[in-house]
């Protein structure tokens, strides 16, 4: 089993920055990739960024150039650095671990609100 817990959300003004953290525990050796998703009010869940076990990354077009996903293997943590935040980035952000044979584990989410 793999468990993930997100933190770092909050209220920020447009143009500001936040860094989200996702700490993994359990069978971390079996993790193949980690994702950040988000769900905005009234919208479908959206894949924001992915980082694989070899540190390859992918981003949604809506966040390219503004968000950066990274990992610290010593801390079993994946980060999402969010810069130049916009009101449309307001959402609950979820971390997801992809592990084992097509298994996934979700966190409970952390709220990000971008507002003046």
N, C-alpha and C. Protein backbone atom coordinates (compact mmCIF):
# COMPACT_ATOMS: atom_id res chain seq x y z
N UNK A 1 0.83 -1.20 0.00
CA UNK A 1 0.00 0.00 0.00
C UNK A 1 0.87 1.25 0.00
N UNK A 2 0.33 2.27 -0.64
CA UNK A 2 0.99 3.58 -0.65
C UNK A 2 -0.04 4.62 -0.17
N UNK A 3 0.38 5.47 0.72
CA UNK A 3 -0.46 6.56 1.20
C UNK A 3 0.21 7.89 0.84
N UNK A 4 -0.62 8.88 0.52
CA UNK A 4 -0.10 10.21 0.20
C UNK A 4 -0.90 11.26 0.96
N UNK A 5 -0.20 12.29 1.40
CA UNK A 5 -0.82 13.38 2.14
C UNK A 5 -0.32 14.71 1.57
N UNK A 6 -1.28 15.56 1.18
CA UNK A 6 -0.94 16.86 0.63
C UNK A 6 -0.94 17.94 1.71
N UNK A 7 -0.18 18.99 1.45
CA UNK A 7 -0.20 20.17 2.30
C UNK A 7 0.27 21.37 1.49
N UNK A 8 0.08 22.56 2.07
CA UNK A 8 0.62 23.76 1.44
C UNK A 8 -0.39 24.67 0.77
N UNK A 9 -1.65 24.27 0.75
CA UNK A 9 -2.64 25.13 0.13
C UNK A 9 -2.91 26.37 0.97
N UNK A 10 -3.68 27.28 0.39
CA UNK A 10 -4.02 28.49 1.12
C UNK A 10 -4.61 29.54 0.20
N UNK A 11 -4.69 30.75 0.73
CA UNK A 11 -5.22 31.89 -0.01
C UNK A 11 -4.05 32.75 -0.49
N UNK A 12 -4.06 33.09 -1.76
CA UNK A 12 -2.99 33.90 -2.32
C UNK A 12 -3.59 34.87 -3.33
N UNK A 13 -2.95 36.02 -3.48
CA UNK A 13 -3.43 37.00 -4.45
C UNK A 13 -2.99 36.63 -5.86
N UNK A 14 -3.72 37.08 -6.86
CA UNK A 14 -3.29 36.85 -8.25
C UNK A 14 -1.86 37.33 -8.46
N UNK A 15 -1.08 36.52 -9.17
CA UNK A 15 0.32 36.82 -9.38
C UNK A 15 1.24 36.24 -8.32
N UNK A 16 0.67 35.74 -7.26
CA UNK A 16 1.46 35.18 -6.17
C UNK A 16 1.90 33.75 -6.42
N UNK A 17 2.54 33.18 -5.40
CA UNK A 17 3.09 31.83 -5.50
C UNK A 17 2.70 30.99 -4.29
N UNK A 18 2.64 29.70 -4.51
CA UNK A 18 2.46 28.72 -3.45
C UNK A 18 3.25 27.48 -3.81
N UNK A 19 3.65 26.73 -2.80
CA UNK A 19 4.28 25.44 -3.04
C UNK A 19 3.50 24.36 -2.29
N UNK A 20 3.00 23.41 -3.05
CA UNK A 20 2.30 22.28 -2.47
C UNK A 20 3.28 21.13 -2.26
N UNK A 21 3.03 20.37 -1.20
CA UNK A 21 3.85 19.20 -0.91
C UNK A 21 2.97 17.96 -0.85
N UNK A 22 3.54 16.84 -1.24
CA UNK A 22 2.86 15.55 -1.17
C UNK A 22 3.85 14.54 -0.62
N UNK A 23 3.57 14.06 0.59
CA UNK A 23 4.45 13.09 1.23
C UNK A 23 3.88 11.70 1.04
N UNK A 24 4.69 10.80 0.55
CA UNK A 24 4.28 9.42 0.33
C UNK A 24 4.84 8.53 1.43
N UNK A 25 4.08 7.51 1.77
CA UNK A 25 4.52 6.54 2.76
C UNK A 25 4.04 5.16 2.36
N UNK A 26 4.58 4.15 3.00
CA UNK A 26 4.22 2.78 2.68
C UNK A 26 5.21 2.18 1.70
N UNK A 27 4.71 1.51 0.69
CA UNK A 27 5.55 0.81 -0.29
C UNK A 27 6.07 1.77 -1.36
N UNK A 28 6.84 2.75 -0.92
CA UNK A 28 7.26 3.82 -1.83
C UNK A 28 8.17 3.31 -2.93
N UNK A 29 8.82 2.18 -2.72
CA UNK A 29 9.71 1.63 -3.74
C UNK A 29 8.92 1.22 -4.98
N UNK A 30 7.62 1.01 -4.83
CA UNK A 30 6.78 0.55 -5.93
C UNK A 30 6.12 1.68 -6.72
N UNK A 31 6.43 2.93 -6.33
CA UNK A 31 5.81 4.07 -7.02
C UNK A 31 6.45 4.27 -8.40
N UNK A 32 5.61 4.36 -9.42
CA UNK A 32 6.07 4.56 -10.79
C UNK A 32 6.03 6.02 -11.21
N UNK A 33 5.02 6.72 -10.73
CA UNK A 33 4.85 8.12 -11.08
C UNK A 33 3.96 8.79 -10.04
N UNK A 34 4.09 10.09 -9.94
CA UNK A 34 3.25 10.89 -9.04
C UNK A 34 2.61 12.00 -9.86
N UNK A 35 1.33 12.22 -9.58
CA UNK A 35 0.58 13.25 -10.31
C UNK A 35 0.01 14.28 -9.34
N UNK A 36 -0.18 15.48 -9.88
CA UNK A 36 -1.02 16.48 -9.21
C UNK A 36 -2.24 16.69 -10.10
N UNK A 37 -3.41 16.58 -9.50
CA UNK A 37 -4.68 16.88 -10.15
C UNK A 37 -5.31 18.07 -9.44
N UNK A 38 -6.30 18.63 -10.08
CA UNK A 38 -7.10 19.66 -9.41
C UNK A 38 -8.54 19.57 -9.87
N UNK A 39 -9.43 20.01 -8.99
CA UNK A 39 -10.85 20.10 -9.34
C UNK A 39 -11.35 21.46 -8.91
N UNK A 40 -11.73 22.25 -9.89
CA UNK A 40 -12.28 23.57 -9.63
C UNK A 40 -13.79 23.46 -9.48
N UNK A 41 -14.41 24.38 -8.78
CA UNK A 41 -15.86 24.34 -8.60
C UNK A 41 -16.59 24.27 -9.93
N UNK A 42 -17.47 23.30 -10.06
CA UNK A 42 -18.27 23.16 -11.26
C UNK A 42 -17.54 22.61 -12.47
N UNK A 43 -16.30 22.17 -12.27
CA UNK A 43 -15.52 21.65 -13.40
C UNK A 43 -15.07 20.22 -13.13
N UNK A 44 -14.65 19.56 -14.20
CA UNK A 44 -14.13 18.20 -14.05
C UNK A 44 -12.70 18.23 -13.50
N UNK A 45 -12.33 17.13 -12.94
CA UNK A 45 -10.96 16.98 -12.44
C UNK A 45 -9.98 17.08 -13.60
N UNK A 46 -8.87 17.76 -13.36
CA UNK A 46 -7.89 18.02 -14.40
C UNK A 46 -6.51 17.56 -13.94
N UNK A 47 -5.80 16.86 -14.84
CA UNK A 47 -4.42 16.49 -14.56
C UNK A 47 -3.54 17.72 -14.76
N UNK A 48 -2.80 18.09 -13.74
CA UNK A 48 -2.00 19.30 -13.78
C UNK A 48 -0.55 19.00 -14.15
N UNK A 49 0.04 18.00 -13.47
CA UNK A 49 1.45 17.70 -13.71
C UNK A 49 1.75 16.28 -13.26
N UNK A 50 2.78 15.70 -13.89
CA UNK A 50 3.22 14.35 -13.59
C UNK A 50 4.74 14.32 -13.51
N UNK A 51 5.25 13.51 -12.59
CA UNK A 51 6.68 13.24 -12.54
C UNK A 51 6.86 11.73 -12.38
N UNK A 52 7.71 11.16 -13.22
CA UNK A 52 7.92 9.72 -13.20
C UNK A 52 9.11 9.35 -12.30
N UNK A 53 9.33 8.06 -12.19
CA UNK A 53 10.41 7.57 -11.32
C UNK A 53 11.78 8.00 -11.84
N UNK A 54 11.88 8.28 -13.15
CA UNK A 54 13.15 8.76 -13.70
C UNK A 54 13.15 10.28 -13.84
N UNK A 55 12.19 10.92 -13.16
CA UNK A 55 12.09 12.39 -13.08
C UNK A 55 11.68 13.07 -14.38
N UNK A 56 11.11 12.32 -15.31
CA UNK A 56 10.49 12.96 -16.47
C UNK A 56 9.23 13.68 -16.01
N UNK A 57 8.95 14.80 -16.63
CA UNK A 57 7.79 15.60 -16.21
C UNK A 57 6.89 15.94 -17.39
N UNK A 58 5.62 16.14 -17.08
CA UNK A 58 4.64 16.60 -18.05
C UNK A 58 3.69 17.57 -17.37
N UNK A 59 3.18 18.51 -18.16
CA UNK A 59 2.31 19.55 -17.61
C UNK A 59 1.10 19.77 -18.50
N UNK A 60 0.02 20.16 -17.87
CA UNK A 60 -1.13 20.62 -18.64
C UNK A 60 -0.76 21.94 -19.31
N UNK A 61 -1.33 22.17 -20.49
CA UNK A 61 -1.02 23.41 -21.21
C UNK A 61 -1.35 24.65 -20.37
N UNK A 62 -2.37 24.53 -19.56
CA UNK A 62 -2.83 25.69 -18.78
C UNK A 62 -1.84 26.13 -17.71
N UNK A 63 -0.87 25.28 -17.36
CA UNK A 63 0.08 25.63 -16.30
C UNK A 63 1.52 25.65 -16.77
N UNK A 64 1.77 25.28 -18.01
CA UNK A 64 3.15 25.27 -18.52
C UNK A 64 3.79 26.64 -18.39
N UNK A 65 5.02 26.62 -17.89
CA UNK A 65 5.74 27.88 -17.71
C UNK A 65 5.46 28.55 -16.38
N UNK A 66 4.44 28.09 -15.66
CA UNK A 66 4.09 28.69 -14.37
C UNK A 66 4.27 27.72 -13.20
N UNK A 67 3.98 26.45 -13.45
CA UNK A 67 4.07 25.44 -12.40
C UNK A 67 5.27 24.54 -12.66
N UNK A 68 5.88 24.05 -11.57
CA UNK A 68 6.98 23.12 -11.67
C UNK A 68 6.78 21.99 -10.68
N UNK A 69 6.84 20.76 -11.18
CA UNK A 69 6.76 19.58 -10.32
C UNK A 69 8.17 19.05 -10.10
N UNK A 70 8.45 18.65 -8.87
CA UNK A 70 9.77 18.13 -8.54
C UNK A 70 9.64 17.11 -7.43
N UNK A 71 10.75 16.43 -7.15
CA UNK A 71 10.70 15.39 -6.13
C UNK A 71 11.97 15.44 -5.27
N UNK A 72 11.81 15.05 -4.03
CA UNK A 72 12.94 14.88 -3.11
C UNK A 72 12.85 13.45 -2.59
N UNK A 73 13.66 12.58 -3.14
CA UNK A 73 13.56 11.16 -2.79
C UNK A 73 13.93 10.91 -1.33
N UNK A 74 14.83 11.72 -0.80
CA UNK A 74 15.23 11.53 0.60
C UNK A 74 14.07 11.80 1.55
N UNK A 75 13.17 12.67 1.13
CA UNK A 75 12.02 13.03 1.97
C UNK A 75 10.73 12.37 1.51
N UNK A 76 10.81 11.53 0.47
CA UNK A 76 9.62 10.87 -0.07
C UNK A 76 8.54 11.89 -0.40
N UNK A 77 8.95 12.99 -0.96
CA UNK A 77 8.04 14.12 -1.17
C UNK A 77 8.10 14.61 -2.60
N UNK A 78 6.93 14.93 -3.13
CA UNK A 78 6.81 15.57 -4.42
C UNK A 78 6.23 16.96 -4.19
N UNK A 79 6.76 17.92 -4.92
CA UNK A 79 6.33 19.31 -4.76
C UNK A 79 5.66 19.82 -6.04
N UNK A 80 4.80 20.79 -5.86
CA UNK A 80 4.25 21.53 -7.00
C UNK A 80 4.45 23.01 -6.69
N UNK A 81 5.44 23.60 -7.34
CA UNK A 81 5.68 25.03 -7.20
C UNK A 81 4.80 25.77 -8.19
N UNK A 82 3.97 26.64 -7.67
CA UNK A 82 2.99 27.35 -8.49
C UNK A 82 3.30 28.84 -8.45
N UNK A 83 3.66 29.40 -9.57
CA UNK A 83 3.98 30.82 -9.68
C UNK A 83 2.98 31.51 -10.60
N UNK A 84 2.96 32.81 -10.53
CA UNK A 84 2.07 33.61 -11.38
C UNK A 84 0.64 33.08 -11.34
N UNK A 85 0.17 32.85 -10.15
CA UNK A 85 -1.16 32.24 -9.98
C UNK A 85 -2.26 33.15 -10.50
N UNK A 86 -3.28 32.50 -11.06
CA UNK A 86 -4.44 33.19 -11.62
C UNK A 86 -5.69 32.76 -10.85
N UNK A 87 -6.73 33.55 -10.96
CA UNK A 87 -7.96 33.19 -10.27
C UNK A 87 -8.48 31.83 -10.75
N UNK A 88 -8.24 31.52 -12.02
CA UNK A 88 -8.71 30.24 -12.55
C UNK A 88 -7.92 29.04 -12.04
N UNK A 89 -6.85 29.28 -11.28
CA UNK A 89 -6.13 28.19 -10.64
C UNK A 89 -6.79 27.76 -9.34
N UNK A 90 -7.79 28.50 -8.91
CA UNK A 90 -8.51 28.14 -7.69
C UNK A 90 -9.14 26.76 -7.83
N UNK A 91 -8.82 25.88 -6.90
CA UNK A 91 -9.29 24.49 -6.97
C UNK A 91 -8.81 23.74 -5.73
N UNK A 92 -9.34 22.56 -5.57
CA UNK A 92 -8.75 21.61 -4.63
C UNK A 92 -7.71 20.81 -5.40
N UNK A 93 -6.50 20.77 -4.87
CA UNK A 93 -5.40 20.08 -5.52
C UNK A 93 -5.17 18.73 -4.83
N UNK A 94 -5.09 17.70 -5.66
CA UNK A 94 -4.93 16.34 -5.16
C UNK A 94 -3.62 15.74 -5.66
N UNK A 95 -2.99 14.98 -4.80
CA UNK A 95 -1.82 14.20 -5.17
C UNK A 95 -2.27 12.77 -5.42
N UNK A 96 -1.67 12.16 -6.43
CA UNK A 96 -1.98 10.77 -6.74
C UNK A 96 -0.69 10.00 -6.98
N UNK A 97 -0.59 8.86 -6.35
CA UNK A 97 0.55 7.96 -6.57
C UNK A 97 0.11 6.82 -7.48
N UNK A 98 0.94 6.54 -8.47
CA UNK A 98 0.73 5.39 -9.36
C UNK A 98 1.77 4.35 -8.98
N UNK A 99 1.32 3.22 -8.53
CA UNK A 99 2.28 2.25 -7.99
C UNK A 99 1.89 0.83 -8.31
N UNK A 100 2.87 -0.05 -8.16
CA UNK A 100 2.61 -1.46 -8.41
C UNK A 100 2.10 -1.67 -9.83
N UNK A 101 1.17 -2.60 -9.97
CA UNK A 101 0.58 -2.91 -11.27
C UNK A 101 -0.73 -2.14 -11.42
N UNK A 102 -0.59 -0.91 -11.92
CA UNK A 102 -1.76 -0.07 -12.23
C UNK A 102 -2.60 0.25 -10.99
N UNK A 103 -1.94 0.38 -9.85
CA UNK A 103 -2.64 0.77 -8.63
C UNK A 103 -2.45 2.26 -8.39
N UNK A 104 -3.44 2.87 -7.77
CA UNK A 104 -3.35 4.30 -7.49
C UNK A 104 -3.81 4.58 -6.06
N UNK A 105 -3.26 5.63 -5.51
CA UNK A 105 -3.65 6.11 -4.19
C UNK A 105 -3.81 7.62 -4.27
N UNK A 106 -4.93 8.10 -3.72
CA UNK A 106 -5.23 9.53 -3.72
C UNK A 106 -5.08 10.11 -2.33
N UNK A 107 -4.67 11.37 -2.30
CA UNK A 107 -4.72 12.11 -1.05
C UNK A 107 -6.09 12.75 -0.89
N UNK A 108 -6.27 13.44 0.24
CA UNK A 108 -7.56 14.07 0.53
C UNK A 108 -7.68 15.45 -0.09
N UNK A 109 -6.58 15.99 -0.57
CA UNK A 109 -6.62 17.28 -1.25
C UNK A 109 -6.28 18.45 -0.35
N UNK A 110 -5.87 19.53 -0.99
CA UNK A 110 -5.58 20.78 -0.29
C UNK A 110 -6.14 21.93 -1.12
N UNK A 111 -6.83 22.85 -0.46
CA UNK A 111 -7.52 23.94 -1.15
C UNK A 111 -6.54 25.05 -1.50
N UNK A 112 -6.60 25.47 -2.75
CA UNK A 112 -5.85 26.65 -3.21
C UNK A 112 -6.87 27.67 -3.70
N UNK A 113 -6.83 28.86 -3.13
CA UNK A 113 -7.73 29.92 -3.53
C UNK A 113 -6.91 31.13 -3.95
N UNK A 114 -7.15 31.56 -5.18
CA UNK A 114 -6.45 32.72 -5.73
C UNK A 114 -7.47 33.85 -5.87
N UNK A 115 -7.31 34.86 -5.04
CA UNK A 115 -8.29 35.93 -5.00
C UNK A 115 -7.68 37.19 -4.42
N UNK A 116 -8.15 38.33 -4.91
CA UNK A 116 -7.70 39.61 -4.36
C UNK A 116 -8.63 40.06 -3.25
